[in-house]
């Protein structure tokens, strides 16, 4: 007798809350790591264009505050420990403490805040979901820009030219894409949680 689809799903994704949550945390970290491999160097700044910010806010909004925090905390930790999960397969303490490290630290807090706002029902409408994700994106810059300025030893205008201005249009597009994909992400999370 062949097992049915429900039996197979339970074999790989048990209904146990802890196991399912752990799989969601791993999946979120893996999704961010995958998105980090979409990278475009700009040449005039150490900060590349990547898919990470898109993935961070989508993971936060779909997993919620605590699982989003755990997922991005795991991403930060495994990358610092040597797994090639940062942009372009980079890893290690040097990346985390380098010019772009503040953005990576900001990912953890952005996922938490975006997840918390989603839990406050900001994710119920497209516009408010994008606003929640935009708020998370601002958090990434609040960590990334001062860190970048300190590492490059630059003033405000040079920091903004290297770490903010070139990314605004792309980030807005990524936020709208994440907002559009959020309902599908919810369905996937609900399906896995059973």
N, C-alpha and C. Protein backbone atom coordinates (compact mmCIF):
# COMPACT_ATOMS: atom_id res chain seq x y z
N UNK A 1 0.84 -1.18 0.00
CA UNK A 1 0.00 0.00 0.00
C UNK A 1 0.89 1.24 0.00
N UNK A 2 0.59 2.22 -0.88
CA UNK A 2 1.35 3.44 -1.00
C UNK A 2 0.87 4.47 0.01
N UNK A 3 1.82 5.19 0.69
CA UNK A 3 1.38 6.23 1.62
C UNK A 3 0.78 7.41 0.85
N UNK A 4 -0.22 8.04 1.45
CA UNK A 4 -0.83 9.19 0.81
C UNK A 4 0.01 10.45 1.05
N UNK A 5 -0.34 11.54 0.39
CA UNK A 5 0.44 12.79 0.47
C UNK A 5 0.49 13.33 1.89
N UNK A 6 -0.62 13.23 2.62
CA UNK A 6 -0.64 13.74 3.99
C UNK A 6 0.34 12.98 4.88
N UNK A 7 0.42 11.67 4.70
CA UNK A 7 1.34 10.84 5.49
C UNK A 7 2.78 11.21 5.17
N UNK A 8 3.07 11.40 3.89
CA UNK A 8 4.43 11.79 3.49
C UNK A 8 4.80 13.16 4.06
N UNK A 9 3.85 14.11 4.00
CA UNK A 9 4.13 15.45 4.54
C UNK A 9 4.44 15.37 6.02
N UNK A 10 3.66 14.58 6.76
CA UNK A 10 3.90 14.44 8.19
C UNK A 10 5.23 13.75 8.49
N UNK A 11 5.66 12.88 7.59
CA UNK A 11 6.95 12.20 7.78
C UNK A 11 8.11 13.19 7.67
N UNK A 12 7.98 14.16 6.76
CA UNK A 12 9.06 15.13 6.57
C UNK A 12 8.86 16.41 7.38
N UNK A 13 7.61 16.78 7.64
CA UNK A 13 7.29 17.98 8.40
C UNK A 13 6.30 17.63 9.49
N UNK A 14 6.78 17.04 10.59
CA UNK A 14 5.85 16.65 11.65
C UNK A 14 5.13 17.86 12.23
N UNK A 15 3.99 17.59 12.82
CA UNK A 15 3.19 18.67 13.39
C UNK A 15 3.75 19.20 14.70
N UNK A 16 4.74 18.56 15.22
CA UNK A 16 5.34 19.04 16.45
C UNK A 16 5.76 20.49 16.29
N UNK A 17 5.28 21.36 17.14
CA UNK A 17 5.55 22.78 17.04
C UNK A 17 7.03 23.10 17.03
N UNK A 18 7.79 22.49 17.91
CA UNK A 18 9.22 22.79 18.01
C UNK A 18 9.97 22.37 16.76
N UNK A 19 9.68 21.18 16.26
CA UNK A 19 10.36 20.69 15.05
C UNK A 19 9.98 21.55 13.86
N UNK A 20 8.70 21.85 13.71
CA UNK A 20 8.26 22.68 12.60
C UNK A 20 8.87 24.07 12.69
N UNK A 21 8.89 24.65 13.88
CA UNK A 21 9.49 25.98 14.04
C UNK A 21 10.98 25.94 13.69
N UNK A 22 11.67 24.89 14.09
CA UNK A 22 13.09 24.76 13.76
C UNK A 22 13.29 24.67 12.25
N UNK A 23 12.42 23.93 11.57
CA UNK A 23 12.51 23.83 10.12
C UNK A 23 12.23 25.17 9.45
N UNK A 24 11.27 25.92 9.99
CA UNK A 24 10.97 27.24 9.44
C UNK A 24 12.14 28.21 9.65
N UNK A 25 12.78 28.14 10.81
CA UNK A 25 13.95 28.98 11.08
C UNK A 25 15.08 28.63 10.11
N UNK A 26 15.34 27.34 9.95
CA UNK A 26 16.37 26.90 9.00
C UNK A 26 16.02 27.33 7.57
N UNK A 27 14.77 27.15 7.21
CA UNK A 27 14.33 27.53 5.87
C UNK A 27 14.47 29.02 5.62
N UNK A 28 14.12 29.83 6.63
CA UNK A 28 14.25 31.29 6.49
C UNK A 28 15.71 31.69 6.33
N UNK A 29 16.58 31.11 7.14
CA UNK A 29 18.01 31.42 7.03
C UNK A 29 18.54 30.97 5.67
N UNK A 30 18.10 29.81 5.21
CA UNK A 30 18.52 29.32 3.90
C UNK A 30 18.03 30.21 2.76
N UNK A 31 16.82 30.71 2.90
CA UNK A 31 16.26 31.61 1.87
C UNK A 31 17.07 32.90 1.79
N UNK A 32 17.43 33.46 2.94
CA UNK A 32 18.26 34.68 2.95
C UNK A 32 19.63 34.38 2.35
N UNK A 33 20.20 33.22 2.71
CA UNK A 33 21.51 32.85 2.15
C UNK A 33 21.44 32.71 0.64
N UNK A 34 20.37 32.13 0.14
CA UNK A 34 20.19 31.99 -1.30
C UNK A 34 20.05 33.37 -1.96
N UNK A 35 19.24 34.23 -1.36
CA UNK A 35 19.04 35.58 -1.91
C UNK A 35 20.33 36.40 -1.88
N UNK A 36 21.21 36.10 -0.93
CA UNK A 36 22.49 36.82 -0.83
C UNK A 36 23.38 36.54 -2.02
N UNK A 37 23.13 35.43 -2.72
CA UNK A 37 23.97 35.09 -3.86
C UNK A 37 23.59 35.87 -5.11
N UNK A 38 22.47 36.56 -5.06
CA UNK A 38 22.11 37.50 -6.12
C UNK A 38 22.84 38.79 -5.78
N UNK A 39 23.91 39.07 -6.48
CA UNK A 39 24.79 40.17 -6.08
C UNK A 39 25.29 40.94 -7.29
N UNK A 40 25.24 42.25 -7.17
CA UNK A 40 25.79 43.14 -8.19
C UNK A 40 26.73 44.12 -7.49
N UNK A 41 28.00 44.07 -7.85
CA UNK A 41 28.97 45.03 -7.31
C UNK A 41 28.83 46.35 -8.05
N UNK A 42 28.95 47.45 -7.31
CA UNK A 42 28.82 48.77 -7.92
C UNK A 42 30.18 49.42 -8.21
N UNK A 43 31.23 48.90 -7.63
CA UNK A 43 32.56 49.42 -7.92
C UNK A 43 33.00 50.59 -7.06
N UNK A 44 32.11 51.50 -6.74
CA UNK A 44 32.48 52.68 -5.97
C UNK A 44 32.15 52.56 -4.48
N UNK A 45 31.61 51.41 -4.10
CA UNK A 45 31.23 51.19 -2.71
C UNK A 45 31.45 49.72 -2.35
N UNK A 46 31.80 49.43 -1.09
CA UNK A 46 31.92 48.03 -0.70
C UNK A 46 30.57 47.35 -0.49
N UNK A 47 29.49 48.11 -0.57
CA UNK A 47 28.15 47.58 -0.35
C UNK A 47 27.57 47.15 -1.69
N UNK A 48 27.30 45.85 -1.88
CA UNK A 48 26.73 45.39 -3.15
C UNK A 48 25.20 45.46 -3.13
N UNK A 49 24.63 45.41 -4.31
CA UNK A 49 23.18 45.21 -4.42
C UNK A 49 22.98 43.70 -4.30
N UNK A 50 22.10 43.29 -3.40
CA UNK A 50 21.82 41.86 -3.23
C UNK A 50 20.32 41.63 -3.06
N UNK A 51 19.95 40.38 -2.99
CA UNK A 51 18.56 40.03 -2.71
C UNK A 51 18.28 39.87 -1.22
N UNK A 52 19.27 40.14 -0.39
CA UNK A 52 19.11 39.90 1.05
C UNK A 52 17.99 40.71 1.68
N UNK A 53 17.91 42.00 1.40
CA UNK A 53 16.89 42.82 2.07
C UNK A 53 15.49 42.32 1.72
N UNK A 54 15.29 41.92 0.47
CA UNK A 54 14.02 41.32 0.06
C UNK A 54 13.69 40.11 0.93
N UNK A 55 14.66 39.21 1.05
CA UNK A 55 14.45 37.98 1.80
C UNK A 55 14.26 38.24 3.29
N UNK A 56 15.02 39.17 3.84
CA UNK A 56 14.93 39.47 5.28
C UNK A 56 13.53 39.92 5.66
N UNK A 57 12.98 40.88 4.92
CA UNK A 57 11.65 41.39 5.30
C UNK A 57 10.55 40.38 5.01
N UNK A 58 10.73 39.57 3.96
CA UNK A 58 9.74 38.53 3.67
C UNK A 58 9.77 37.44 4.74
N UNK A 59 10.95 37.05 5.17
CA UNK A 59 11.07 36.05 6.24
C UNK A 59 10.46 36.60 7.53
N UNK A 60 10.79 37.83 7.89
CA UNK A 60 10.24 38.42 9.11
C UNK A 60 8.72 38.49 9.08
N UNK A 61 8.18 38.99 7.98
CA UNK A 61 6.72 39.15 7.88
C UNK A 61 5.99 37.81 7.86
N UNK A 62 6.59 36.80 7.28
CA UNK A 62 5.89 35.52 7.18
C UNK A 62 6.09 34.63 8.40
N UNK A 63 7.23 34.76 9.09
CA UNK A 63 7.48 33.91 10.26
C UNK A 63 7.08 34.56 11.59
N UNK A 64 6.98 35.87 11.62
CA UNK A 64 6.69 36.55 12.87
C UNK A 64 7.97 36.96 13.58
N UNK A 65 7.81 37.69 14.67
CA UNK A 65 8.93 38.31 15.35
C UNK A 65 9.97 37.32 15.86
N UNK A 66 9.55 36.34 16.64
CA UNK A 66 10.53 35.45 17.27
C UNK A 66 11.20 34.50 16.28
N UNK A 67 10.41 33.90 15.40
CA UNK A 67 11.01 32.99 14.42
C UNK A 67 11.84 33.77 13.41
N UNK A 68 11.41 34.97 13.05
CA UNK A 68 12.21 35.82 12.17
C UNK A 68 13.54 36.19 12.80
N UNK A 69 13.49 36.57 14.07
CA UNK A 69 14.71 36.88 14.83
C UNK A 69 15.63 35.66 14.88
N UNK A 70 15.07 34.49 15.18
CA UNK A 70 15.87 33.27 15.26
C UNK A 70 16.48 32.93 13.90
N UNK A 71 15.70 33.10 12.84
CA UNK A 71 16.17 32.76 11.51
C UNK A 71 17.34 33.64 11.09
N UNK A 72 17.22 34.95 11.28
CA UNK A 72 18.30 35.85 10.89
C UNK A 72 19.46 35.80 11.88
N UNK A 73 19.18 35.49 13.14
CA UNK A 73 20.27 35.26 14.09
C UNK A 73 21.09 34.05 13.68
N UNK A 74 20.41 33.00 13.22
CA UNK A 74 21.10 31.81 12.73
C UNK A 74 21.92 32.15 11.50
N UNK A 75 21.35 32.91 10.58
CA UNK A 75 22.07 33.33 9.38
C UNK A 75 23.35 34.09 9.74
N UNK A 76 23.24 35.05 10.64
CA UNK A 76 24.41 35.82 11.07
C UNK A 76 25.46 34.90 11.69
N UNK A 77 25.02 34.02 12.57
CA UNK A 77 25.95 33.14 13.30
C UNK A 77 26.67 32.16 12.37
N UNK A 78 25.92 31.47 11.50
CA UNK A 78 26.58 30.47 10.65
C UNK A 78 27.51 31.13 9.65
N UNK A 79 27.16 32.33 9.20
CA UNK A 79 28.07 33.06 8.30
C UNK A 79 29.34 33.47 9.00
N UNK A 80 29.22 33.96 10.22
CA UNK A 80 30.41 34.35 10.99
C UNK A 80 31.26 33.13 11.32
N UNK A 81 30.60 31.98 11.51
CA UNK A 81 31.32 30.75 11.86
C UNK A 81 32.00 30.10 10.66
N UNK A 82 31.69 30.55 9.45
CA UNK A 82 32.40 30.02 8.28
C UNK A 82 31.57 29.44 7.17
N UNK A 83 30.25 29.37 7.34
CA UNK A 83 29.41 28.87 6.24
C UNK A 83 29.30 29.97 5.17
N UNK A 84 29.42 29.64 3.90
CA UNK A 84 29.44 30.65 2.84
C UNK A 84 28.04 31.17 2.50
N UNK A 85 27.42 31.89 3.45
CA UNK A 85 26.04 32.32 3.28
C UNK A 85 25.89 33.81 3.01
N UNK A 86 26.94 34.58 3.21
CA UNK A 86 26.85 36.01 2.94
C UNK A 86 26.95 36.26 1.44
N UNK A 87 26.84 37.51 1.03
CA UNK A 87 26.82 37.86 -0.39
C UNK A 87 28.01 37.24 -1.12
N UNK A 88 27.69 36.65 -2.27
CA UNK A 88 28.70 36.05 -3.15
C UNK A 88 29.45 34.91 -2.48
N UNK A 89 28.82 34.21 -1.55
CA UNK A 89 29.42 33.06 -0.89
C UNK A 89 30.51 33.41 0.11
N UNK A 90 30.55 34.65 0.53
CA UNK A 90 31.57 35.04 1.53
C UNK A 90 31.11 34.60 2.91
N UNK A 91 32.03 34.67 3.85
CA UNK A 91 31.75 34.22 5.21
C UNK A 91 32.86 34.69 6.13
N UNK A 92 32.63 34.51 7.39
CA UNK A 92 33.67 34.74 8.38
C UNK A 92 33.52 36.04 9.16
N UNK A 93 34.33 36.08 10.18
CA UNK A 93 34.32 37.21 11.10
C UNK A 93 34.74 38.49 10.40
N UNK A 94 35.65 38.39 9.42
CA UNK A 94 36.11 39.58 8.69
C UNK A 94 34.96 40.26 7.94
N UNK A 95 34.05 39.49 7.39
CA UNK A 95 32.89 40.07 6.69
C UNK A 95 31.96 40.72 7.71
N UNK A 96 31.71 40.02 8.80
CA UNK A 96 30.79 40.54 9.80
C UNK A 96 31.32 41.81 10.46
N UNK A 97 32.63 41.92 10.62
CA UNK A 97 33.20 43.12 11.24
C UNK A 97 33.69 44.13 10.21
N UNK A 98 33.48 43.84 8.92
CA UNK A 98 33.90 44.75 7.86
C UNK A 98 32.85 45.81 7.58
N UNK A 99 33.02 46.54 6.49
CA UNK A 99 32.12 47.67 6.17
C UNK A 99 30.65 47.31 6.03
N UNK A 100 30.35 46.08 5.59
CA UNK A 100 28.94 45.69 5.41
C UNK A 100 28.36 44.94 6.60
N UNK A 101 29.14 44.73 7.63
CA UNK A 101 28.68 43.97 8.80
C UNK A 101 27.49 44.58 9.50
N UNK A 102 27.40 45.89 9.51
CA UNK A 102 26.27 46.55 10.16
C UNK A 102 24.95 46.22 9.50
N UNK A 103 24.97 46.08 8.19
CA UNK A 103 23.75 45.68 7.49
C UNK A 103 23.32 44.29 7.92
N UNK A 104 24.29 43.38 8.03
CA UNK A 104 23.99 42.00 8.43
C UNK A 104 23.41 41.97 9.85
N UNK A 105 24.00 42.74 10.76
CA UNK A 105 23.46 42.83 12.12
C UNK A 105 22.05 43.43 12.07
N UNK A 106 21.86 44.44 11.22
CA UNK A 106 20.56 45.06 11.07
C UNK A 106 19.49 44.09 10.57
N UNK A 107 19.91 43.07 9.79
CA UNK A 107 18.95 42.08 9.30
C UNK A 107 18.21 41.41 10.46
N UNK A 108 18.92 41.12 11.52
CA UNK A 108 18.33 40.41 12.66
C UNK A 108 17.22 41.27 13.28
N UNK A 109 17.52 42.53 13.50
CA UNK A 109 16.54 43.42 14.12
C UNK A 109 15.40 43.77 13.16
N UNK A 110 15.71 43.87 11.87
CA UNK A 110 14.68 44.16 10.87
C UNK A 110 13.69 43.01 10.78
N UNK A 111 14.18 41.78 10.79
CA UNK A 111 13.28 40.63 10.73
C UNK A 111 12.37 40.60 11.96
N UNK A 112 12.94 40.89 13.13
CA UNK A 112 12.13 40.92 14.35
C UNK A 112 11.04 41.99 14.25
N UNK A 113 11.43 43.22 13.86
CA UNK A 113 10.46 44.31 13.82
C UNK A 113 9.41 44.07 12.74
N UNK A 114 9.82 43.64 11.57
CA UNK A 114 8.85 43.35 10.51
C UNK A 114 7.89 42.25 10.95
N UNK A 115 8.42 41.22 11.60
CA UNK A 115 7.57 40.15 12.12
C UNK A 115 6.61 40.64 13.19
N UNK A 116 7.09 41.51 14.06
CA UNK A 116 6.24 42.05 15.12
C UNK A 116 5.12 42.89 14.51
N UNK A 117 5.46 43.72 13.52
CA UNK A 117 4.44 44.54 12.87
C UNK A 117 3.42 43.65 12.15
N UNK A 118 3.88 42.57 11.56
CA UNK A 118 2.95 41.63 10.93
C UNK A 118 2.02 41.01 11.97
N UNK A 119 2.55 40.71 13.14
CA UNK A 119 1.72 40.15 14.20
C UNK A 119 0.72 41.18 14.74
N UNK A 120 1.01 42.45 14.52
CA UNK A 120 0.08 43.52 14.90
C UNK A 120 -0.91 43.81 13.77
N UNK A 121 -0.95 42.92 12.79
CA UNK A 121 -1.86 42.93 11.66
C UNK A 121 -1.54 43.99 10.60
N UNK A 122 -0.31 44.44 10.56
CA UNK A 122 0.12 45.32 9.48
C UNK A 122 0.20 44.55 8.16
N UNK A 123 0.19 43.26 8.23
CA UNK A 123 0.34 42.44 7.03
C UNK A 123 -0.99 42.09 6.37
N UNK A 124 -2.09 42.64 6.84
CA UNK A 124 -3.41 42.26 6.34
C UNK A 124 -3.74 42.90 5.00
N UNK A 125 -3.15 44.04 4.71
CA UNK A 125 -3.37 44.72 3.43
C UNK A 125 -2.01 44.97 2.78
N UNK A 126 -2.00 44.99 1.47
CA UNK A 126 -0.75 45.15 0.73
C UNK A 126 -0.01 46.42 1.16
N UNK A 127 -0.70 47.55 1.23
CA UNK A 127 -0.04 48.82 1.57
C UNK A 127 0.58 48.80 2.96
N UNK A 128 -0.15 48.28 3.93
CA UNK A 128 0.41 48.26 5.28
C UNK A 128 1.50 47.21 5.41
N UNK A 129 1.41 46.11 4.65
CA UNK A 129 2.48 45.11 4.65
C UNK A 129 3.77 45.71 4.10
N UNK A 130 3.65 46.46 3.01
CA UNK A 130 4.83 47.13 2.44
C UNK A 130 5.37 48.16 3.43
N UNK A 131 4.48 48.85 4.14
CA UNK A 131 4.94 49.82 5.15
C UNK A 131 5.71 49.12 6.27
N UNK A 132 5.23 47.95 6.70
CA UNK A 132 5.94 47.19 7.73
C UNK A 132 7.32 46.78 7.22
N UNK A 133 7.37 46.33 5.97
CA UNK A 133 8.65 45.92 5.40
C UNK A 133 9.57 47.12 5.19
N UNK A 134 9.01 48.26 4.83
CA UNK A 134 9.81 49.48 4.69
C UNK A 134 10.41 49.87 6.04
N UNK A 135 9.63 49.72 7.09
CA UNK A 135 10.13 50.00 8.44
C UNK A 135 11.30 49.08 8.77
N UNK A 136 11.18 47.81 8.43
CA UNK A 136 12.29 46.88 8.62
C UNK A 136 13.50 47.28 7.81
N UNK A 137 13.29 47.74 6.59
CA UNK A 137 14.39 48.18 5.74
C UNK A 137 15.11 49.39 6.35
N UNK A 138 14.34 50.29 6.93
CA UNK A 138 14.94 51.46 7.61
C UNK A 138 15.84 51.00 8.75
N UNK A 139 15.41 49.98 9.47
CA UNK A 139 16.23 49.44 10.57
C UNK A 139 17.56 48.92 10.03
N UNK A 140 17.52 48.26 8.89
CA UNK A 140 18.77 47.76 8.29
C UNK A 140 19.73 48.93 8.05
N UNK A 141 19.22 50.02 7.53
CA UNK A 141 20.07 51.20 7.28
C UNK A 141 20.51 51.87 8.58
N UNK A 142 19.67 51.83 9.60
CA UNK A 142 20.06 52.43 10.88
C UNK A 142 21.27 51.72 11.50
N UNK A 143 21.41 50.44 11.22
CA UNK A 143 22.60 49.71 11.66
C UNK A 143 23.73 49.83 10.64
N UNK A 144 23.38 49.69 9.37
CA UNK A 144 24.39 49.62 8.33
C UNK A 144 25.15 50.90 8.06
N UNK A 145 24.44 52.03 8.03
CA UNK A 145 25.10 53.29 7.67
C UNK A 145 26.12 53.77 8.71
N UNK A 146 25.80 53.80 10.00
CA UNK A 146 26.83 54.22 10.97
C UNK A 146 28.03 53.28 10.98
N UNK A 147 27.76 51.98 10.82
CA UNK A 147 28.83 50.98 10.79
C UNK A 147 29.73 51.25 9.58
N UNK A 148 29.10 51.48 8.42
CA UNK A 148 29.84 51.77 7.20
C UNK A 148 30.68 53.03 7.36
N UNK A 149 30.09 54.07 7.94
CA UNK A 149 30.81 55.33 8.16
C UNK A 149 32.03 55.12 9.05
N UNK A 150 31.86 54.34 10.09
CA UNK A 150 32.98 54.08 11.00
C UNK A 150 34.09 53.29 10.32
N UNK A 151 33.71 52.30 9.51
CA UNK A 151 34.71 51.46 8.84
C UNK A 151 35.43 52.20 7.72
N UNK A 152 34.71 53.06 7.01
CA UNK A 152 35.32 53.81 5.91
C UNK A 152 35.90 55.15 6.36
N UNK A 153 35.57 55.53 7.60
CA UNK A 153 36.01 56.81 8.15
C UNK A 153 35.59 57.96 7.23
N UNK A 154 34.29 58.01 6.94
CA UNK A 154 33.75 59.03 6.05
C UNK A 154 32.71 59.88 6.77
N UNK A 155 32.40 61.00 6.16
CA UNK A 155 31.36 61.88 6.66
C UNK A 155 29.99 61.42 6.20
N UNK A 156 28.99 62.16 6.61
CA UNK A 156 27.61 61.79 6.34
C UNK A 156 27.32 61.68 4.84
N UNK A 157 27.66 62.70 4.06
CA UNK A 157 27.34 62.69 2.64
C UNK A 157 28.01 61.53 1.90
N UNK A 158 29.29 61.30 2.19
CA UNK A 158 29.99 60.19 1.53
C UNK A 158 29.40 58.84 1.94
N UNK A 159 28.99 58.73 3.19
CA UNK A 159 28.38 57.49 3.66
C UNK A 159 27.05 57.25 2.96
N UNK A 160 26.25 58.28 2.84
CA UNK A 160 24.96 58.13 2.15
C UNK A 160 25.15 57.79 0.68
N UNK A 161 26.18 58.36 0.05
CA UNK A 161 26.46 58.06 -1.36
C UNK A 161 26.95 56.63 -1.54
N UNK A 162 27.63 56.10 -0.54
CA UNK A 162 28.16 54.74 -0.63
C UNK A 162 27.19 53.69 -0.11
N UNK A 163 26.31 54.06 0.82
CA UNK A 163 25.52 53.05 1.50
C UNK A 163 24.02 53.19 1.46
N UNK A 164 23.49 54.29 0.85
CA UNK A 164 22.04 54.47 0.83
C UNK A 164 21.52 54.84 -0.56
N UNK A 165 21.97 55.95 -1.09
CA UNK A 165 21.39 56.49 -2.33
C UNK A 165 21.33 55.47 -3.48
N UNK A 166 22.38 54.70 -3.72
CA UNK A 166 22.32 53.78 -4.87
C UNK A 166 21.31 52.63 -4.69
N UNK A 167 20.79 52.47 -3.48
CA UNK A 167 19.97 51.29 -3.18
C UNK A 167 18.49 51.60 -3.02
N UNK A 168 18.12 52.86 -2.98
CA UNK A 168 16.73 53.23 -2.66
C UNK A 168 15.74 52.68 -3.68
N UNK A 169 15.97 52.90 -4.95
CA UNK A 169 15.02 52.45 -5.97
C UNK A 169 14.91 50.92 -5.95
N UNK A 170 16.04 50.23 -5.90
CA UNK A 170 16.02 48.77 -5.86
C UNK A 170 15.33 48.24 -4.62
N UNK A 171 15.58 48.89 -3.48
CA UNK A 171 14.92 48.45 -2.25
C UNK A 171 13.41 48.62 -2.33
N UNK A 172 12.95 49.72 -2.93
CA UNK A 172 11.51 49.91 -3.09
C UNK A 172 10.90 48.82 -3.97
N UNK A 173 11.59 48.48 -5.05
CA UNK A 173 11.10 47.40 -5.91
C UNK A 173 11.06 46.07 -5.16
N UNK A 174 12.11 45.81 -4.37
CA UNK A 174 12.14 44.56 -3.59
C UNK A 174 11.03 44.54 -2.54
N UNK A 175 10.72 45.69 -1.94
CA UNK A 175 9.64 45.74 -0.95
C UNK A 175 8.29 45.43 -1.59
N UNK A 176 8.04 45.99 -2.77
CA UNK A 176 6.78 45.71 -3.46
C UNK A 176 6.70 44.24 -3.88
N UNK A 177 7.81 43.68 -4.32
CA UNK A 177 7.82 42.26 -4.68
C UNK A 177 7.57 41.40 -3.44
N UNK A 178 8.23 41.73 -2.34
CA UNK A 178 8.02 40.98 -1.09
C UNK A 178 6.57 41.10 -0.63
N UNK A 179 5.99 42.29 -0.74
CA UNK A 179 4.59 42.48 -0.37
C UNK A 179 3.66 41.64 -1.23
N UNK A 180 3.98 41.54 -2.52
CA UNK A 180 3.15 40.74 -3.42
C UNK A 180 3.28 39.24 -3.13
N UNK A 181 4.46 38.81 -2.69
CA UNK A 181 4.68 37.39 -2.42
C UNK A 181 4.29 36.97 -1.01
N UNK A 182 4.00 37.93 -0.15
CA UNK A 182 3.68 37.62 1.25
C UNK A 182 2.50 36.65 1.40
N UNK A 183 1.40 36.81 0.69
CA UNK A 183 0.31 35.83 0.86
C UNK A 183 0.74 34.39 0.55
N UNK A 184 1.58 34.20 -0.45
CA UNK A 184 2.07 32.86 -0.77
C UNK A 184 2.97 32.34 0.36
N UNK A 185 3.78 33.23 0.94
CA UNK A 185 4.64 32.83 2.06
C UNK A 185 3.81 32.43 3.26
N UNK A 186 2.72 33.16 3.54
CA UNK A 186 1.83 32.79 4.66
C UNK A 186 1.26 31.40 4.43
N UNK A 187 0.78 31.15 3.20
CA UNK A 187 0.18 29.84 2.92
C UNK A 187 1.19 28.72 3.15
N UNK A 188 2.42 28.93 2.74
CA UNK A 188 3.46 27.93 2.93
C UNK A 188 3.71 27.69 4.43
N UNK A 189 3.84 28.77 5.19
CA UNK A 189 4.07 28.64 6.64
C UNK A 189 2.89 27.94 7.30
N UNK A 190 1.67 28.35 6.97
CA UNK A 190 0.47 27.70 7.56
C UNK A 190 0.42 26.22 7.18
N UNK A 191 0.76 25.92 5.95
CA UNK A 191 0.75 24.51 5.51
C UNK A 191 1.76 23.68 6.30
N UNK A 192 2.95 24.23 6.51
CA UNK A 192 3.98 23.49 7.25
C UNK A 192 3.63 23.36 8.72
N UNK A 193 2.96 24.36 9.26
CA UNK A 193 2.56 24.28 10.67
C UNK A 193 1.37 23.36 10.87
N UNK A 194 0.69 23.02 9.78
CA UNK A 194 -0.42 22.07 9.84
C UNK A 194 -1.61 22.67 10.44
